[in-house]
Protein backbone atom coordinates (compact mmCIF):
# COMPACT_ATOMS: atom_id res chain seq x y z
CA MET A 1 133.33 81.80 65.16
CA ASP A 2 137.49 82.20 65.73
CA SER A 3 140.24 83.57 63.83
CA THR A 4 142.01 80.56 63.94
CA GLN A 5 138.87 78.52 62.99
CA TYR A 6 138.53 80.94 60.66
CA ALA A 7 141.83 81.24 58.35
CA MET A 8 141.73 77.13 58.60
CA LYS A 9 138.12 77.10 57.06
CA LYS A 10 139.61 79.66 54.56
CA ILE A 11 143.14 77.45 53.90
CA ALA A 12 140.64 73.71 53.92
CA MET A 13 138.95 75.93 51.05
CA SER A 14 141.14 77.41 48.62
CA VAL A 15 143.59 73.52 48.68
CA ILE A 16 140.28 71.82 48.51
CA GLY A 17 139.12 74.56 45.32
CA GLY A 18 142.87 74.27 43.83
CA SER A 19 143.21 71.07 44.33
CA LEU A 20 139.44 70.47 41.96
CA PHE A 21 141.06 73.01 39.87
CA VAL A 22 143.77 70.74 39.11
CA ALA A 23 142.08 67.38 38.46
CA GLY A 24 139.51 69.91 36.34
CA TYR A 25 142.14 70.41 34.70
CA TYR A 26 143.95 67.91 33.44
CA HIS A 27 140.44 65.83 33.39
CA VAL A 28 139.65 68.37 30.58
CA HIS A 29 142.89 68.66 28.16
CA ARG A 30 143.38 64.65 28.50
CA HIS A 31 140.37 63.53 26.99
CA SER A 32 140.67 66.59 24.45
CA ALA A 33 143.95 64.42 23.66
CA ILE A 34 141.71 61.33 22.95
CA VAL A 35 139.24 63.05 21.35
CA ASP A 36 141.94 64.17 18.88
CA THR A 37 143.29 60.69 18.69
CA LYS A 38 139.62 58.55 17.90
CA ASP A 39 139.52 61.73 15.31
CA ALA A 40 142.85 61.03 13.67
CA GLN A 41 141.25 57.60 13.41
CA LEU A 42 138.67 58.10 12.24
CA SER A 43 139.85 60.05 9.67
CA ILE A 44 142.01 57.42 8.41
CA GLN A 45 139.43 54.36 8.00
CA LYS A 46 137.32 54.45 5.39
CA PRO A 47 134.33 55.90 5.55
CA VAL A 48 130.67 54.27 6.86
CA SER A 49 127.24 54.45 4.81
CA THR A 50 124.61 54.40 6.98
CA ILE A 51 121.56 52.91 6.11
CA PRO A 52 118.37 55.31 6.40
CA PHE A 53 115.34 54.36 7.84
CA LYS A 54 112.24 55.78 9.08
CA THR A 55 112.01 56.73 12.65
CA LEU A 56 108.62 55.81 14.45
CA PRO A 57 107.15 58.14 17.21
CA ALA A 58 106.98 56.94 20.84
CA PHE A 59 103.78 55.96 21.09
CA ALA A 60 100.95 55.26 18.81
CA PHE A 61 97.06 56.02 19.25
CA ARG A 62 94.75 54.59 17.18
CA SER A 63 91.13 56.81 16.73
CA GLY A 64 88.85 53.88 17.72
CA LYS A 65 89.77 52.35 20.89
CA TYR A 66 90.26 54.65 24.53
CA PHE A 67 92.33 54.78 27.59
CA THR A 68 89.93 53.35 30.32
CA PHE A 69 91.08 53.72 33.94
């Protein structure tokens, strides 16, 4: 590989990596601001009572029946 191509590849990778880092940085800070706002709104509202429910297993097997293929 030619030294010019190597340098251009390194520069391109640096620009792409830097752009991804900046985009991720802004995304994380925007998301944390949204979460903080949502937490503040939820603390102002009256708490909602939850209805207890019994969970059912995903598969119910009967002892009298067998799977046949």
